[in-house]
Protein backbone atom coordinates (compact mmCIF):
# COMPACT_ATOMS: atom_id res chain seq x y z
CA MET A 1 -15.44 -49.36 -14.13
CA GLY A 2 -14.58 -50.67 -10.69
CA ARG A 3 -16.14 -51.38 -7.32
CA VAL A 4 -15.25 -49.45 -4.19
CA GLU A 5 -16.23 -49.91 -0.54
CA LEU A 6 -16.59 -47.50 2.33
CA GLY A 7 -17.93 -48.73 5.63
CA GLY A 8 -19.91 -51.54 4.08
CA ILE A 9 -21.32 -49.46 1.24
CA VAL A 10 -20.24 -50.80 -2.15
CA LYS A 11 -20.51 -48.65 -5.27
CA ASP A 12 -19.56 -48.98 -8.90
CA VAL A 13 -17.37 -46.06 -9.99
CA ASN A 14 -15.76 -44.85 -13.17
CA LEU A 15 -11.98 -45.37 -13.11
CA GLN A 16 -11.14 -43.56 -16.34
CA LEU A 17 -9.26 -40.76 -14.54
CA VAL A 18 -7.16 -43.19 -12.47
CA PRO A 19 -6.07 -45.98 -14.83
CA GLU A 20 -3.20 -46.77 -12.43
CA ALA A 21 -5.62 -47.74 -9.62
CA THR A 22 -5.49 -51.39 -8.62
CA GLU A 23 -7.17 -53.62 -6.05
CA ASN A 24 -6.67 -52.37 -2.46
CA ASP A 25 -5.71 -48.84 -3.57
CA TYR A 26 -7.50 -45.95 -1.90
CA VAL A 27 -9.23 -43.53 -4.24
CA LEU A 28 -11.00 -40.22 -3.85
CA VAL A 29 -14.45 -40.49 -5.45
CA HIS A 30 -16.66 -37.61 -6.51
CA VAL A 31 -20.05 -38.05 -8.18
CA GLY A 32 -19.32 -41.66 -9.09
CA VAL A 33 -15.89 -40.99 -10.59
CA ALA A 34 -12.56 -41.87 -8.95
CA ILE A 35 -10.55 -38.68 -9.34
CA SER A 36 -7.25 -39.63 -7.70
CA THR A 37 -5.44 -42.35 -5.84
CA ILE A 38 -4.24 -41.61 -2.33
CA ASP A 39 -2.13 -43.50 0.17
CA GLU A 40 -3.55 -45.15 3.28
CA GLU A 41 -2.30 -42.38 5.57
CA GLU A 42 -4.06 -39.69 3.52
CA ALA A 43 -7.21 -41.85 3.35
CA ASN A 44 -7.25 -42.18 7.14
CA ARG A 45 -6.70 -38.44 7.63
CA SER A 46 -9.51 -37.65 5.19
CA LEU A 47 -11.89 -40.13 6.85
CA ASP A 48 -11.07 -38.69 10.29
CA PHE A 49 -11.81 -35.20 8.99
CA LEU A 50 -15.12 -36.33 7.46
CA ARG A 51 -16.07 -38.04 10.74
CA GLN A 52 -15.27 -34.86 12.71
CA MET A 53 -17.47 -32.87 10.34
CA ASN A 54 -20.25 -35.48 10.73
CA GLU A 55 -20.22 -35.95 6.97
CA LEU A 56 -20.11 -39.75 7.15
CA ASP A 57 -23.17 -39.90 9.41
CA ASP A 58 -25.27 -38.82 6.44
CA LEU A 59 -24.29 -42.00 4.62
CA TYR A 60 -26.04 -44.12 7.21
CA ASN A 61 -28.65 -41.97 8.94
CA SER A 62 -31.64 -39.97 7.88
CA PRO A 63 -32.05 -36.60 9.64
CA THR A 64 -35.71 -37.47 10.26
CA GLY A 65 -35.00 -40.98 11.53
CA GLU A 66 -36.57 -42.60 8.47
CA ASN A 67 -35.03 -45.53 6.66
CA VAL A 68 -32.32 -44.43 4.26
CA THR A 69 -32.64 -45.76 0.72
CA GLN A 70 -29.73 -46.76 -1.50
CA GLU A 71 -30.53 -43.70 -3.63
CA ASP A 72 -30.14 -41.48 -0.55
CA ILE A 73 -26.83 -43.12 0.31
CA ASP A 74 -25.57 -42.70 -3.26
CA ARG A 75 -26.61 -39.04 -3.36
CA GLN A 76 -25.03 -38.27 0.02
CA GLY A 77 -21.87 -40.25 -0.74
CA ASN A 78 -20.70 -38.19 -3.71
CA LEU A 79 -17.45 -37.29 -1.99
CA ILE A 80 -15.97 -40.33 -0.31
CA ILE A 81 -12.66 -42.00 0.17
CA SER A 82 -12.93 -45.56 -0.97
CA LYS A 83 -10.83 -48.68 -1.17
CA MET A 84 -10.71 -50.51 -4.49
CA MET A 85 -12.22 -53.97 -4.55
CA ALA A 86 -11.65 -56.93 -6.87
């Protein structure tokens, strides 16, 4: 297991599929599992794409303007690019 961060959101993820991942590596996470490591350039391109598609907004905002719970953030953040933490 490891901890990843995206825009201030920290999650525990399973690292079994990326045993080579180390601190400060970027990883692609799906449903709580890191599925691959990617370089910083690819991470930035992916984040830009997600921003353009307004996919990251769902991590922080509720469509109804209500407070977003951690459970909502976790559910909406199933496909994120994350940076490994210590």
